């Protein structure tokens, strides 16, 4: 399976915003954006002095940013867009809804993992159950009403406990419910755009793929 293996912090610096790819580190002064708030590479410091970027460049950067936030590679991301484009509704919102209801993202949103990358590992290593059965496919689409929980034998993992300790103090998104004592959560409904806390301009992505 193809996956990104290079430095995650460079992705945040390239997009100029925190993508929260490294869990706890992103909330400290060790975050790359805090230390080096310019694009990577020898010309990174000069990037802000260049001429105005084109519409295509803005659209491309927005697509890259969203792909990197969710840890999705190009082929799979394009497939999400194609499916959204064939549905009735606002394409950009439908695209984000499909990505938000991936199992790895739901595990992350529930606070059972410090980052989406960690959530993918938990899923692939068979620590996560959906409606009582093991699911080891990060892209599995969780449906409203389905229960997501940490397997009983995995509930003392340090990564999970530390994530719950930090994330458990935050409000859970309105389209999710969670019980941290049993490390169990549920997707209550497909989220609306207003309830998806992602700083994405999805219309730019629609414009890019619609050319």
N, C-alpha and C. Protein backbone atom coordinates (compact mmCIF):
# COMPACT_ATOMS: atom_id res chain seq x y z
N UNK A 1 0.84 -1.20 0.00
CA UNK A 1 0.00 0.00 0.00
C UNK A 1 0.88 1.24 0.00
N UNK A 2 0.59 2.18 -0.91
CA UNK A 2 1.39 3.40 -1.01
C UNK A 2 1.10 4.30 0.18
N UNK A 3 2.15 4.95 0.67
CA UNK A 3 1.96 5.87 1.78
C UNK A 3 3.10 6.87 1.81
N UNK A 4 2.87 8.02 2.44
CA UNK A 4 3.87 9.06 2.55
C UNK A 4 4.84 8.69 3.67
N UNK A 5 6.14 8.72 3.37
CA UNK A 5 7.13 8.28 4.36
C UNK A 5 8.14 9.36 4.72
N UNK A 6 8.00 10.56 4.17
CA UNK A 6 8.96 11.61 4.45
C UNK A 6 8.53 12.43 5.67
N UNK A 7 9.26 13.50 5.95
CA UNK A 7 9.02 14.30 7.16
C UNK A 7 7.65 14.97 7.12
N UNK A 8 6.81 14.69 8.12
CA UNK A 8 5.47 15.28 8.17
C UNK A 8 5.51 16.79 8.39
N UNK A 9 6.47 17.26 9.17
CA UNK A 9 6.52 18.69 9.48
C UNK A 9 6.74 19.55 8.24
N UNK A 10 7.42 18.99 7.24
CA UNK A 10 7.63 19.74 6.01
C UNK A 10 6.32 20.00 5.27
N UNK A 11 5.36 19.09 5.46
CA UNK A 11 4.06 19.28 4.81
C UNK A 11 3.35 20.49 5.41
N UNK A 12 3.41 20.64 6.73
CA UNK A 12 2.80 21.80 7.38
C UNK A 12 3.47 23.09 6.92
N UNK A 13 4.79 23.06 6.86
CA UNK A 13 5.52 24.26 6.45
C UNK A 13 5.21 24.62 5.01
N UNK A 14 5.04 23.60 4.16
CA UNK A 14 4.73 23.89 2.75
C UNK A 14 3.37 24.53 2.59
N UNK A 15 2.39 24.10 3.41
CA UNK A 15 1.05 24.66 3.31
C UNK A 15 0.89 25.94 4.13
N UNK A 16 1.84 26.19 5.04
CA UNK A 16 1.80 27.41 5.83
C UNK A 16 0.80 27.39 6.98
N UNK A 17 0.26 26.22 7.30
CA UNK A 17 -0.70 26.08 8.41
C UNK A 17 -0.43 24.77 9.14
N UNK A 18 -0.91 24.69 10.37
CA UNK A 18 -0.79 23.45 11.11
C UNK A 18 -1.77 22.43 10.55
N UNK A 19 -1.26 21.27 10.19
CA UNK A 19 -2.11 20.19 9.69
C UNK A 19 -2.36 19.14 10.77
N UNK A 20 -1.73 19.30 11.93
CA UNK A 20 -1.88 18.41 13.08
C UNK A 20 -1.60 16.95 12.69
N UNK A 21 -0.42 16.75 12.14
CA UNK A 21 -0.02 15.43 11.66
C UNK A 21 0.79 14.64 12.68
N UNK A 22 1.24 15.30 13.76
CA UNK A 22 2.12 14.61 14.71
C UNK A 22 1.59 14.61 16.14
N UNK A 23 0.29 14.71 16.26
CA UNK A 23 -0.31 14.57 17.58
C UNK A 23 0.13 15.63 18.58
N UNK A 24 0.62 15.20 19.73
CA UNK A 24 0.96 16.09 20.84
C UNK A 24 1.96 17.17 20.43
N UNK A 25 2.92 16.82 19.60
CA UNK A 25 3.96 17.77 19.21
C UNK A 25 3.38 19.04 18.58
N UNK A 26 2.26 18.90 17.87
CA UNK A 26 1.65 20.03 17.18
C UNK A 26 1.12 21.08 18.15
N UNK A 27 0.94 20.71 19.42
CA UNK A 27 0.39 21.63 20.41
C UNK A 27 1.48 22.25 21.28
N UNK A 28 2.74 22.01 20.93
CA UNK A 28 3.86 22.54 21.71
C UNK A 28 4.69 23.50 20.87
N UNK A 29 5.67 24.13 21.52
CA UNK A 29 6.53 25.06 20.78
C UNK A 29 7.56 24.33 19.92
N UNK A 30 7.51 22.99 19.92
CA UNK A 30 8.37 22.21 19.03
C UNK A 30 7.78 22.07 17.64
N UNK A 31 6.54 22.51 17.47
CA UNK A 31 5.88 22.44 16.17
C UNK A 31 6.70 23.20 15.13
N UNK A 32 6.83 22.62 13.95
CA UNK A 32 7.66 23.22 12.90
C UNK A 32 7.17 24.60 12.51
N UNK A 33 5.86 24.81 12.50
CA UNK A 33 5.31 26.12 12.14
C UNK A 33 5.73 27.19 13.14
N UNK A 34 5.87 26.80 14.39
CA UNK A 34 6.31 27.73 15.43
C UNK A 34 7.78 28.09 15.26
N UNK A 35 8.57 27.14 14.81
CA UNK A 35 10.02 27.35 14.71
C UNK A 35 10.47 27.86 13.35
N UNK A 36 9.85 27.38 12.29
CA UNK A 36 10.26 27.73 10.92
C UNK A 36 9.02 27.97 10.07
N UNK A 37 8.43 29.14 10.24
CA UNK A 37 7.19 29.42 9.54
C UNK A 37 7.45 29.93 8.12
N UNK A 38 8.07 29.05 7.33
CA UNK A 38 8.30 29.34 5.90
C UNK A 38 8.43 28.00 5.18
N UNK A 39 8.24 28.01 3.87
CA UNK A 39 8.25 26.77 3.10
C UNK A 39 9.62 26.10 3.16
N UNK A 40 9.68 24.77 3.12
CA UNK A 40 10.97 24.07 3.14
C UNK A 40 11.73 24.28 1.84
N UNK A 41 13.02 23.98 1.86
CA UNK A 41 13.84 24.14 0.67
C UNK A 41 14.64 25.43 0.71
N UNK A 42 15.64 25.52 -0.17
CA UNK A 42 16.55 26.66 -0.14
C UNK A 42 15.89 27.98 -0.50
N UNK A 43 14.74 27.93 -1.18
CA UNK A 43 14.05 29.16 -1.56
C UNK A 43 12.82 29.42 -0.69
N UNK A 44 12.69 28.67 0.39
CA UNK A 44 11.50 28.78 1.22
C UNK A 44 11.27 30.17 1.79
N UNK A 45 12.32 30.82 2.26
CA UNK A 45 12.17 32.14 2.86
C UNK A 45 11.74 33.19 1.85
N UNK A 46 12.03 32.93 0.56
CA UNK A 46 11.73 33.91 -0.48
C UNK A 46 10.34 33.73 -1.07
N UNK A 47 9.65 32.65 -0.68
CA UNK A 47 8.36 32.33 -1.32
C UNK A 47 7.35 33.45 -1.18
N UNK A 48 7.33 34.10 -0.03
CA UNK A 48 6.35 35.15 0.20
C UNK A 48 6.60 36.41 -0.62
N UNK A 49 7.79 36.54 -1.22
CA UNK A 49 8.12 37.73 -1.99
C UNK A 49 7.83 37.56 -3.48
N UNK A 50 7.38 36.38 -3.87
CA UNK A 50 7.12 36.13 -5.28
C UNK A 50 5.85 36.84 -5.73
N UNK A 51 5.67 36.90 -7.03
CA UNK A 51 4.50 37.57 -7.57
C UNK A 51 3.22 36.82 -7.20
N UNK A 52 2.10 37.48 -7.44
CA UNK A 52 0.80 36.91 -7.09
C UNK A 52 0.59 35.56 -7.76
N UNK A 53 0.09 34.59 -7.00
CA UNK A 53 -0.09 33.25 -7.54
C UNK A 53 -1.35 33.19 -8.39
N UNK A 54 -1.40 32.24 -9.30
CA UNK A 54 -2.53 32.08 -10.21
C UNK A 54 -3.69 31.37 -9.51
N UNK A 55 -4.86 31.42 -10.15
CA UNK A 55 -6.02 30.70 -9.61
C UNK A 55 -5.74 29.20 -9.55
N UNK A 56 -5.07 28.69 -10.57
CA UNK A 56 -4.75 27.27 -10.60
C UNK A 56 -3.86 26.88 -9.43
N UNK A 57 -2.89 27.74 -9.12
CA UNK A 57 -1.99 27.47 -8.00
C UNK A 57 -2.75 27.44 -6.68
N UNK A 58 -3.69 28.36 -6.51
CA UNK A 58 -4.50 28.39 -5.29
C UNK A 58 -5.33 27.12 -5.16
N UNK A 59 -5.92 26.69 -6.28
CA UNK A 59 -6.74 25.47 -6.28
C UNK A 59 -5.89 24.24 -5.97
N UNK A 60 -4.72 24.18 -6.57
CA UNK A 60 -3.83 23.05 -6.35
C UNK A 60 -3.37 22.98 -4.90
N UNK A 61 -3.00 24.13 -4.34
CA UNK A 61 -2.53 24.15 -2.95
C UNK A 61 -3.65 23.72 -2.00
N UNK A 62 -4.89 24.12 -2.29
CA UNK A 62 -5.99 23.74 -1.42
C UNK A 62 -6.22 22.23 -1.46
N UNK A 63 -6.13 21.66 -2.66
CA UNK A 63 -6.28 20.21 -2.78
C UNK A 63 -5.16 19.50 -2.02
N UNK A 64 -3.95 19.95 -2.18
CA UNK A 64 -2.82 19.34 -1.50
C UNK A 64 -2.97 19.44 0.02
N UNK A 65 -3.45 20.59 0.47
CA UNK A 65 -3.62 20.78 1.92
C UNK A 65 -4.62 19.77 2.49
N UNK A 66 -5.77 19.63 1.82
CA UNK A 66 -6.80 18.71 2.33
C UNK A 66 -6.31 17.27 2.27
N UNK A 67 -5.64 16.89 1.18
CA UNK A 67 -5.08 15.54 1.08
C UNK A 67 -4.14 15.26 2.24
N UNK A 68 -3.32 16.23 2.57
CA UNK A 68 -2.32 16.04 3.61
C UNK A 68 -2.94 16.04 5.00
N UNK A 69 -3.97 16.84 5.21
CA UNK A 69 -4.66 16.83 6.50
C UNK A 69 -5.19 15.43 6.81
N UNK A 70 -5.80 14.80 5.81
CA UNK A 70 -6.43 13.51 6.02
C UNK A 70 -5.53 12.32 5.68
N UNK A 71 -4.34 12.59 5.14
CA UNK A 71 -3.41 11.50 4.84
C UNK A 71 -3.86 10.62 3.69
N UNK A 72 -4.41 11.25 2.63
CA UNK A 72 -4.92 10.50 1.48
C UNK A 72 -4.07 10.84 0.26
N UNK A 73 -3.72 9.82 -0.51
CA UNK A 73 -2.94 10.03 -1.72
C UNK A 73 -3.84 10.38 -2.90
N UNK A 74 -3.23 10.78 -3.99
CA UNK A 74 -3.97 11.38 -5.11
C UNK A 74 -5.05 10.48 -5.71
N UNK A 75 -4.73 9.24 -6.01
CA UNK A 75 -5.70 8.37 -6.68
C UNK A 75 -6.96 8.19 -5.84
N UNK A 76 -6.77 7.93 -4.56
CA UNK A 76 -7.92 7.72 -3.69
C UNK A 76 -8.72 9.00 -3.51
N UNK A 77 -8.01 10.13 -3.41
CA UNK A 77 -8.69 11.41 -3.24
C UNK A 77 -9.54 11.74 -4.47
N UNK A 78 -8.99 11.47 -5.64
CA UNK A 78 -9.74 11.71 -6.88
C UNK A 78 -10.98 10.82 -6.94
N UNK A 79 -10.86 9.59 -6.46
CA UNK A 79 -12.02 8.70 -6.45
C UNK A 79 -13.12 9.22 -5.51
N UNK A 80 -12.70 9.79 -4.38
CA UNK A 80 -13.69 10.40 -3.49
C UNK A 80 -14.43 11.53 -4.20
N UNK A 81 -13.66 12.32 -4.96
CA UNK A 81 -14.29 13.43 -5.68
C UNK A 81 -15.25 12.93 -6.74
N UNK A 82 -14.85 11.91 -7.48
CA UNK A 82 -15.72 11.38 -8.54
C UNK A 82 -17.04 10.88 -7.97
N UNK A 83 -16.97 10.18 -6.84
CA UNK A 83 -18.20 9.68 -6.22
C UNK A 83 -19.07 10.83 -5.73
N UNK A 84 -18.44 11.86 -5.16
CA UNK A 84 -19.20 13.02 -4.68
C UNK A 84 -19.86 13.76 -5.85
N UNK A 85 -19.15 13.84 -6.97
CA UNK A 85 -19.67 14.57 -8.14
C UNK A 85 -20.90 13.88 -8.74
N UNK A 86 -21.03 12.58 -8.53
CA UNK A 86 -22.15 11.84 -9.10
C UNK A 86 -23.36 11.78 -8.16
N UNK A 87 -23.23 12.36 -6.98
CA UNK A 87 -24.34 12.38 -6.03
C UNK A 87 -25.10 13.70 -6.14
N UNK A 88 -26.31 13.70 -5.64
CA UNK A 88 -27.11 14.92 -5.59
C UNK A 88 -26.74 15.71 -4.35
N UNK A 89 -26.38 16.97 -4.56
CA UNK A 89 -26.00 17.81 -3.43
C UNK A 89 -24.82 18.68 -3.78
N UNK A 90 -24.27 19.33 -2.78
CA UNK A 90 -23.10 20.20 -2.97
C UNK A 90 -21.85 19.32 -3.00
N UNK A 91 -21.17 19.30 -4.13
CA UNK A 91 -20.06 18.37 -4.32
C UNK A 91 -18.97 18.52 -3.27
N UNK A 92 -18.59 19.75 -2.97
CA UNK A 92 -17.53 19.97 -2.00
C UNK A 92 -17.88 19.44 -0.62
N UNK A 93 -19.12 19.66 -0.20
CA UNK A 93 -19.56 19.17 1.10
C UNK A 93 -19.63 17.65 1.12
N UNK A 94 -20.13 17.07 0.04
CA UNK A 94 -20.21 15.61 -0.06
C UNK A 94 -18.82 14.98 -0.02
N UNK A 95 -17.85 15.65 -0.64
CA UNK A 95 -16.47 15.18 -0.62
C UNK A 95 -15.94 15.12 0.81
N UNK A 96 -16.13 16.21 1.55
CA UNK A 96 -15.64 16.25 2.93
C UNK A 96 -16.39 15.25 3.82
N UNK A 97 -17.68 15.07 3.57
CA UNK A 97 -18.45 14.11 4.36
C UNK A 97 -17.92 12.69 4.18
N UNK A 98 -17.57 12.34 2.94
CA UNK A 98 -17.04 11.00 2.68
C UNK A 98 -15.72 10.78 3.40
N UNK A 99 -14.88 11.81 3.40
CA UNK A 99 -13.57 11.68 4.02
C UNK A 99 -13.69 11.68 5.55
N UNK A 100 -14.60 12.50 6.07
CA UNK A 100 -14.78 12.58 7.52
C UNK A 100 -15.32 11.29 8.11
N UNK A 101 -16.08 10.52 7.33
CA UNK A 101 -16.66 9.29 7.87
C UNK A 101 -15.80 8.06 7.60
N UNK A 102 -14.57 8.27 7.15
CA UNK A 102 -13.60 7.17 7.10
C UNK A 102 -13.35 6.69 8.53
N UNK A 103 -13.08 5.41 8.67
CA UNK A 103 -12.87 4.86 10.01
C UNK A 103 -11.69 5.50 10.72
N UNK A 104 -10.58 5.70 10.02
CA UNK A 104 -9.41 6.29 10.69
C UNK A 104 -9.71 7.69 11.18
N UNK A 105 -10.47 8.46 10.39
CA UNK A 105 -10.80 9.82 10.83
C UNK A 105 -11.77 9.81 12.00
N UNK A 106 -12.73 8.89 12.00
CA UNK A 106 -13.68 8.80 13.10
C UNK A 106 -12.95 8.45 14.40
N UNK A 107 -12.00 7.51 14.32
CA UNK A 107 -11.21 7.15 15.51
C UNK A 107 -10.47 8.38 16.03
N UNK A 108 -9.90 9.17 15.12
CA UNK A 108 -9.19 10.39 15.52
C UNK A 108 -10.15 11.42 16.11
N UNK A 109 -11.28 11.64 15.45
CA UNK A 109 -12.25 12.63 15.93
C UNK A 109 -12.82 12.25 17.30
N UNK A 110 -12.91 10.96 17.57
CA UNK A 110 -13.41 10.51 18.87
C UNK A 110 -12.39 10.74 19.98
N UNK A 111 -11.14 11.02 19.61
CA UNK A 111 -10.10 11.24 20.62
C UNK A 111 -9.41 9.98 21.07
N UNK A 112 -9.57 8.89 20.30
CA UNK A 112 -8.94 7.62 20.66
C UNK A 112 -7.52 7.51 20.11
N UNK A 113 -7.10 8.48 19.32
CA UNK A 113 -5.74 8.51 18.76
C UNK A 113 -5.30 9.97 18.67
N UNK A 114 -4.01 10.26 18.87
CA UNK A 114 -3.54 11.65 18.87
C UNK A 114 -3.46 12.28 17.49
N UNK A 115 -3.44 11.46 16.44
CA UNK A 115 -3.35 11.97 15.07
C UNK A 115 -4.03 10.98 14.13
N UNK A 116 -4.30 11.41 12.93
CA UNK A 116 -4.91 10.50 11.95
C UNK A 116 -3.94 9.39 11.57
N UNK A 117 -2.66 9.70 11.54
CA UNK A 117 -1.67 8.68 11.24
C UNK A 117 -1.68 7.58 12.30
N UNK A 118 -1.76 7.98 13.56
CA UNK A 118 -1.84 7.01 14.65
C UNK A 118 -3.13 6.21 14.57
N UNK A 119 -4.22 6.88 14.19
CA UNK A 119 -5.50 6.20 14.06
C UNK A 119 -5.44 5.13 12.96
N UNK A 120 -4.76 5.45 11.86
CA UNK A 120 -4.61 4.46 10.78
C UNK A 120 -3.83 3.24 11.28
N UNK A 121 -2.80 3.48 12.08
CA UNK A 121 -2.03 2.37 12.62
C UNK A 121 -2.89 1.49 13.52
N UNK A 122 -3.69 2.12 14.37
CA UNK A 122 -4.57 1.35 15.25
C UNK A 122 -5.53 0.47 14.44
N UNK A 123 -6.05 1.04 13.37
CA UNK A 123 -6.98 0.28 12.53
C UNK A 123 -6.26 -0.87 11.83
N UNK A 124 -5.14 -0.57 11.21
CA UNK A 124 -4.40 -1.60 10.46
C UNK A 124 -3.89 -2.72 11.36
N UNK A 125 -3.56 -2.39 12.59
CA UNK A 125 -3.04 -3.39 13.52
C UNK A 125 -4.16 -4.10 14.29
N UNK A 126 -5.38 -3.88 13.83
CA UNK A 126 -6.55 -4.64 14.33
C UNK A 126 -6.89 -4.36 15.79
N UNK A 127 -6.75 -3.09 16.18
CA UNK A 127 -7.11 -2.70 17.54
C UNK A 127 -8.53 -2.12 17.60
N UNK A 128 -9.17 -1.93 16.44
CA UNK A 128 -10.46 -1.23 16.39
C UNK A 128 -11.56 -2.16 15.90
N UNK A 129 -12.71 -2.07 16.56
CA UNK A 129 -13.88 -2.85 16.16
C UNK A 129 -15.01 -1.91 15.71
N UNK A 130 -15.79 -2.39 14.76
CA UNK A 130 -17.00 -1.69 14.33
C UNK A 130 -18.17 -2.64 14.52
N UNK A 131 -19.12 -2.24 15.34
CA UNK A 131 -20.27 -3.10 15.68
C UNK A 131 -19.83 -4.49 16.14
N UNK A 132 -18.74 -4.52 16.92
CA UNK A 132 -18.30 -5.76 17.53
C UNK A 132 -17.34 -6.60 16.71
N UNK A 133 -17.12 -6.22 15.44
CA UNK A 133 -16.21 -6.99 14.60
C UNK A 133 -14.97 -6.19 14.23
N UNK A 134 -13.82 -6.87 14.14
CA UNK A 134 -12.58 -6.20 13.78
C UNK A 134 -12.66 -5.67 12.35
N UNK A 135 -12.25 -4.41 12.17
CA UNK A 135 -12.12 -3.82 10.83
C UNK A 135 -10.71 -3.26 10.72
N UNK A 136 -9.94 -3.72 9.75
CA UNK A 136 -8.55 -3.26 9.61
C UNK A 136 -8.33 -2.47 8.33
N UNK A 137 -9.38 -1.83 7.83
CA UNK A 137 -9.29 -1.01 6.62
C UNK A 137 -9.54 0.45 7.01
N UNK A 138 -8.50 1.30 7.00
CA UNK A 138 -8.67 2.70 7.43
C UNK A 138 -9.72 3.47 6.65
N UNK A 139 -9.91 3.13 5.36
CA UNK A 139 -10.86 3.87 4.52
C UNK A 139 -12.29 3.36 4.66
N UNK A 140 -12.52 2.39 5.53
CA UNK A 140 -13.87 1.86 5.74
C UNK A 140 -14.83 3.01 6.07
N UNK A 141 -15.98 3.05 5.38
CA UNK A 141 -16.94 4.12 5.60
C UNK A 141 -17.88 3.75 6.75
N UNK A 142 -17.78 4.52 7.81
CA UNK A 142 -18.64 4.30 8.97
C UNK A 142 -20.01 4.90 8.68
N UNK A 143 -21.05 4.13 8.93
CA UNK A 143 -22.42 4.59 8.68
C UNK A 143 -23.05 5.09 9.98
N UNK A 144 -24.00 6.02 9.88
CA UNK A 144 -24.69 6.50 11.08
C UNK A 144 -25.28 5.34 11.88
N UNK A 145 -25.07 5.38 13.19
CA UNK A 145 -25.57 4.32 14.05
C UNK A 145 -24.56 3.24 14.37
N UNK A 146 -23.47 3.18 13.60
CA UNK A 146 -22.47 2.15 13.86
C UNK A 146 -21.60 2.54 15.06
N UNK A 147 -21.23 1.53 15.83
CA UNK A 147 -20.42 1.72 17.04
C UNK A 147 -18.96 1.40 16.75
N UNK A 148 -18.10 2.31 17.14
CA UNK A 148 -16.65 2.14 16.96
C UNK A 148 -16.03 2.05 18.34
N UNK A 149 -15.26 0.99 18.58
CA UNK A 149 -14.65 0.84 19.89
C UNK A 149 -13.25 0.25 19.78
N UNK A 150 -12.45 0.49 20.83
CA UNK A 150 -11.13 -0.13 20.94
C UNK A 150 -11.33 -1.55 21.44
N UNK A 151 -10.65 -2.50 20.81
CA UNK A 151 -10.72 -3.89 21.24
C UNK A 151 -10.33 -3.99 22.72
N UNK A 152 -11.02 -4.84 23.45
CA UNK A 152 -10.83 -4.92 24.89
C UNK A 152 -9.36 -5.15 25.29
N UNK A 153 -8.66 -6.01 24.57
CA UNK A 153 -7.27 -6.32 24.91
C UNK A 153 -6.32 -5.16 24.62
N UNK A 154 -6.80 -4.14 23.89
CA UNK A 154 -5.93 -3.03 23.50
C UNK A 154 -6.19 -1.76 24.30
N UNK A 155 -7.07 -1.82 25.28
CA UNK A 155 -7.52 -0.60 25.95
C UNK A 155 -6.50 0.00 26.92
N UNK A 156 -5.42 -0.70 27.20
CA UNK A 156 -4.40 -0.15 28.09
C UNK A 156 -3.19 0.38 27.34
N UNK A 157 -3.30 0.50 26.03
CA UNK A 157 -2.20 1.02 25.23
C UNK A 157 -1.92 2.47 25.62
N UNK A 158 -0.64 2.79 25.83
CA UNK A 158 -0.26 4.14 26.24
C UNK A 158 -0.71 5.20 25.26
N UNK A 159 -0.60 4.92 23.97
CA UNK A 159 -0.97 5.89 22.93
C UNK A 159 -2.44 6.27 23.06
N UNK A 160 -3.29 5.28 23.30
CA UNK A 160 -4.72 5.53 23.42
C UNK A 160 -5.04 6.27 24.70
N UNK A 161 -4.44 5.84 25.81
CA UNK A 161 -4.73 6.46 27.10
C UNK A 161 -4.28 7.91 27.15
N UNK A 162 -3.11 8.19 26.58
CA UNK A 162 -2.61 9.57 26.58
C UNK A 162 -3.47 10.46 25.69
N UNK A 163 -3.96 9.91 24.59
CA UNK A 163 -4.83 10.67 23.70
C UNK A 163 -6.15 11.00 24.39
N UNK A 164 -6.70 10.03 25.09
CA UNK A 164 -7.96 10.25 25.81
C UNK A 164 -7.77 11.29 26.92
N UNK A 165 -6.62 11.23 27.58
CA UNK A 165 -6.36 12.18 28.66
C UNK A 165 -6.38 13.62 28.16
N UNK A 166 -5.82 13.83 26.98
CA UNK A 166 -5.80 15.20 26.42
C UNK A 166 -7.09 15.54 25.71
N UNK A 167 -7.51 14.68 24.77
CA UNK A 167 -8.69 14.98 23.95
C UNK A 167 -9.98 14.85 24.74
N UNK A 168 -9.95 14.06 25.83
CA UNK A 168 -11.15 13.87 26.62
C UNK A 168 -11.62 15.13 27.32
N UNK A 169 -10.74 16.12 27.40
CA UNK A 169 -11.10 17.39 28.04
C UNK A 169 -11.78 18.34 27.06
N UNK A 170 -11.83 17.97 25.79
CA UNK A 170 -12.43 18.82 24.77
C UNK A 170 -13.84 18.35 24.47
N UNK A 171 -14.64 19.25 23.93
CA UNK A 171 -16.00 18.89 23.54
C UNK A 171 -15.97 17.95 22.33
N UNK A 172 -16.82 16.94 22.35
CA UNK A 172 -16.93 16.02 21.22
C UNK A 172 -17.80 16.67 20.15
N UNK A 173 -17.47 16.44 18.90
CA UNK A 173 -18.25 17.01 17.80
C UNK A 173 -19.70 16.52 17.89
N UNK A 174 -20.66 17.36 17.48
CA UNK A 174 -22.08 17.03 17.68
C UNK A 174 -22.57 15.81 16.91
N UNK A 175 -21.83 15.38 15.91
CA UNK A 175 -22.26 14.21 15.14
C UNK A 175 -21.63 12.91 15.64
N UNK A 176 -20.97 13.02 16.80
CA UNK A 176 -20.35 11.85 17.42
C UNK A 176 -20.75 11.77 18.90
N UNK A 177 -20.72 10.56 19.44
CA UNK A 177 -20.84 10.39 20.88
C UNK A 177 -19.73 9.45 21.32
N UNK A 178 -19.25 9.61 22.55
CA UNK A 178 -18.14 8.78 23.00
C UNK A 178 -18.23 8.53 24.50
N UNK A 179 -17.83 7.33 24.90
CA UNK A 179 -17.72 6.96 26.31
C UNK A 179 -16.27 6.53 26.52
N UNK A 180 -15.49 7.38 27.19
CA UNK A 180 -14.06 7.10 27.33
C UNK A 180 -13.78 5.97 28.32
N UNK A 181 -14.71 5.68 29.21
CA UNK A 181 -14.51 4.58 30.15
C UNK A 181 -14.45 3.24 29.41
N UNK A 182 -15.30 3.10 28.42
CA UNK A 182 -15.31 1.85 27.63
C UNK A 182 -14.59 2.02 26.29
N UNK A 183 -14.07 3.23 26.04
CA UNK A 183 -13.37 3.54 24.79
C UNK A 183 -14.25 3.17 23.58
N UNK A 184 -15.48 3.65 23.67
CA UNK A 184 -16.48 3.35 22.65
C UNK A 184 -17.11 4.65 22.14
N UNK A 185 -17.30 4.72 20.83
CA UNK A 185 -17.93 5.88 20.24
C UNK A 185 -18.94 5.47 19.18
N UNK A 186 -19.71 6.44 18.73
CA UNK A 186 -20.73 6.15 17.72
C UNK A 186 -20.88 7.33 16.78
N UNK A 187 -21.06 7.04 15.49
CA UNK A 187 -21.38 8.07 14.51
C UNK A 187 -22.89 8.28 14.56
N UNK A 188 -23.30 9.44 15.02
CA UNK A 188 -24.72 9.71 15.17
C UNK A 188 -25.39 10.07 13.86
N UNK A 189 -24.67 10.80 13.02
CA UNK A 189 -25.20 11.24 11.73
C UNK A 189 -24.06 11.68 10.84
N UNK A 190 -24.34 11.78 9.56
CA UNK A 190 -23.33 12.31 8.63
C UNK A 190 -23.18 13.80 8.92
N UNK A 191 -21.97 14.29 9.12
CA UNK A 191 -21.80 15.70 9.52
C UNK A 191 -22.15 16.68 8.41
N UNK A 192 -22.72 17.81 8.80
CA UNK A 192 -22.93 18.90 7.85
C UNK A 192 -21.63 19.69 7.74
N UNK A 193 -21.53 20.50 6.72
CA UNK A 193 -20.28 21.27 6.54
C UNK A 193 -20.00 22.16 7.74
N UNK A 194 -21.03 22.72 8.33
CA UNK A 194 -20.84 23.62 9.47
C UNK A 194 -20.24 22.90 10.67
N UNK A 195 -20.39 21.58 10.74
CA UNK A 195 -19.88 20.81 11.88
C UNK A 195 -18.60 20.04 11.56
N UNK A 196 -17.96 20.38 10.45
CA UNK A 196 -16.67 19.78 10.10
C UNK A 196 -15.58 20.82 10.35
N UNK A 197 -14.80 20.66 11.41
CA UNK A 197 -13.80 21.67 11.77
C UNK A 197 -12.50 21.56 10.96
N UNK A 198 -12.64 21.71 9.66
CA UNK A 198 -11.47 21.67 8.78
C UNK A 198 -11.40 22.97 8.00
N UNK A 199 -10.24 23.62 8.06
CA UNK A 199 -10.08 24.90 7.37
C UNK A 199 -9.80 24.65 5.89
N UNK A 200 -10.82 24.22 5.18
CA UNK A 200 -10.66 23.92 3.75
C UNK A 200 -11.63 24.75 2.94
N UNK A 201 -11.17 25.21 1.80
CA UNK A 201 -12.04 25.88 0.84
C UNK A 201 -12.33 24.85 -0.26
N UNK A 202 -13.26 23.97 0.04
CA UNK A 202 -13.51 22.83 -0.85
C UNK A 202 -13.97 23.22 -2.24
N UNK A 203 -14.55 24.44 -2.37
CA UNK A 203 -14.98 24.86 -3.70
C UNK A 203 -13.81 25.00 -4.66
N UNK A 204 -12.63 25.37 -4.12
CA UNK A 204 -11.44 25.47 -4.96
C UNK A 204 -11.05 24.09 -5.51
N UNK A 205 -11.25 23.06 -4.70
CA UNK A 205 -10.94 21.68 -5.15
C UNK A 205 -11.91 21.25 -6.24
N UNK A 206 -13.18 21.62 -6.07
CA UNK A 206 -14.19 21.30 -7.09
C UNK A 206 -13.83 21.99 -8.40
N UNK A 207 -13.42 23.24 -8.32
CA UNK A 207 -13.04 23.98 -9.52
C UNK A 207 -11.84 23.34 -10.19
N UNK A 208 -10.88 22.88 -9.41
CA UNK A 208 -9.68 22.26 -9.98
C UNK A 208 -10.03 20.99 -10.73
N UNK A 209 -10.80 20.10 -10.12
CA UNK A 209 -11.13 18.82 -10.74
C UNK A 209 -12.16 18.95 -11.85
N UNK A 210 -12.85 20.08 -11.89
CA UNK A 210 -13.90 20.25 -12.91
C UNK A 210 -13.37 20.83 -14.21
N UNK A 211 -12.10 21.12 -14.26
CA UNK A 211 -11.53 21.69 -15.49
C UNK A 211 -11.42 20.64 -16.60
